[in-house]
Amino acid sequence: MPVKSGWEGRFFEDFEVGDIYRCRLGRTVTEVDNTWFTLLTNNTNQIHFNTEYGKQTEFGQCLVNSLLTLAIVAGLGVADVSENG
């Protein structure tokens, strides 16, 4: 699968099945990010915000809300895959 070098903004016809796009940006997800997102979305699963509960699980800590991961990835990719400017 070819890795496509970045350029700002693509149109639908620029995409090909199997393309790989490397994001030029990065982001560190903090405990505060995770807690706020979990509370904002009314996620009541203790694994995402209760430190004491997280310590008792097989993971030994809280887990990042998977929808937060999806939201960050989607946001970071905007300039690389959809920003036509």
Protein backbone atom coordinates (compact mmCIF):
# COMPACT_ATOMS: atom_id res chain seq x y z
CA MET A 1 0.00 0.00 0.00
CA PRO A 2 1.49 3.33 -0.99
CA VAL A 3 2.08 5.96 1.65
CA LYS A 4 0.83 9.26 0.26
CA SER A 5 2.90 12.32 1.07
CA GLY A 6 0.75 15.07 2.46
CA TRP A 7 -0.75 18.03 0.75
CA GLU A 8 -3.47 20.23 2.12
CA GLY A 9 -6.90 19.24 1.01
CA ARG A 10 -8.03 16.45 -1.21
CA PHE A 11 -11.12 15.94 -3.26
CA PHE A 12 -13.03 12.65 -3.40
CA GLU A 13 -11.41 11.64 -6.69
CA ASP A 14 -7.93 12.00 -5.12
CA PHE A 15 -8.47 8.97 -2.85
CA GLU A 16 -7.63 5.42 -3.89
CA VAL A 17 -8.44 2.17 -2.10
CA GLY A 18 -5.51 1.14 0.09
CA ASP A 19 -3.90 4.58 0.37
CA ILE A 20 -2.17 5.38 3.66
CA TYR A 21 -2.02 8.98 4.86
CA ARG A 22 0.44 10.00 7.55
CA CYS A 23 -0.81 12.79 9.77
CA ARG A 24 1.61 15.69 10.11
CA LEU A 25 0.35 16.61 13.58
CA GLY A 26 0.49 14.89 16.94
CA ARG A 27 -1.41 15.14 20.19
CA THR A 28 -0.83 13.89 23.73
CA VAL A 29 -4.03 12.73 25.41
CA THR A 30 -4.05 13.65 29.09
CA GLU A 31 -6.05 12.33 32.01
CA VAL A 32 -7.95 15.62 32.07
CA ASP A 33 -8.86 15.25 28.36
CA ASN A 34 -10.22 11.79 29.05
CA THR A 35 -12.15 12.78 32.17
CA TRP A 36 -13.75 15.84 30.58
CA PHE A 37 -14.73 13.94 27.43
CA THR A 38 -16.16 11.07 29.45
CA LEU A 39 -18.23 13.42 31.60
CA LEU A 40 -19.25 15.58 28.63
CA THR A 41 -20.64 12.53 26.82
CA ASN A 42 -22.32 11.19 30.00
CA ASN A 43 -20.35 7.95 29.82
CA THR A 44 -21.01 6.27 33.16
CA ASN A 45 -18.45 3.46 32.78
CA GLN A 46 -16.18 3.80 35.81
CA ILE A 47 -13.14 2.56 33.87
CA HIS A 48 -12.88 5.95 32.15
CA PHE A 49 -12.87 8.30 35.16
CA ASN A 50 -12.63 6.50 38.50
CA THR A 51 -8.95 6.05 39.37
CA GLU A 52 -9.61 3.67 42.28
CA TYR A 53 -11.84 1.49 40.14
CA GLY A 54 -9.26 1.51 37.35
CA LYS A 55 -6.56 0.27 39.73
CA GLN A 56 -8.65 -2.83 40.49
CA THR A 57 -9.04 -3.85 36.85
CA GLU A 58 -6.73 -6.00 34.74
CA PHE A 59 -5.35 -2.77 33.23
CA GLY A 60 -4.37 -1.25 36.58
CA GLN A 61 -5.51 2.23 35.54
CA CYS A 62 -8.27 4.15 33.82
CA LEU A 63 -8.66 3.68 30.07
CA VAL A 64 -9.01 6.43 27.51
CA ASN A 65 -12.54 6.65 26.17
CA SER A 66 -12.41 5.11 22.69
CA LEU A 67 -14.68 7.79 21.22
CA LEU A 68 -12.19 10.43 22.40
CA THR A 69 -9.52 8.62 20.41
CA LEU A 70 -11.78 8.59 17.36
CA ALA A 71 -12.61 12.29 17.74
CA ILE A 72 -8.94 13.28 18.03
CA VAL A 73 -7.89 11.17 15.04
CA ALA A 74 -10.71 12.61 12.94
CA GLY A 75 -9.78 16.14 13.97
CA LEU A 76 -6.06 15.73 13.34
CA GLY A 77 -6.71 14.34 9.88
CA VAL A 78 -8.88 17.20 8.62
CA ALA A 79 -6.06 19.21 7.05
CA ASP A 80 -4.57 16.13 5.38
CA VAL A 81 -7.68 14.57 3.91
CA SER A 82 -10.46 17.10 3.56
CA GLU A 83 -9.38 20.74 3.86
CA ASN A 84 -9.62 22.23 0.39
CA GLY A 85 -8.30 25.66 0.66
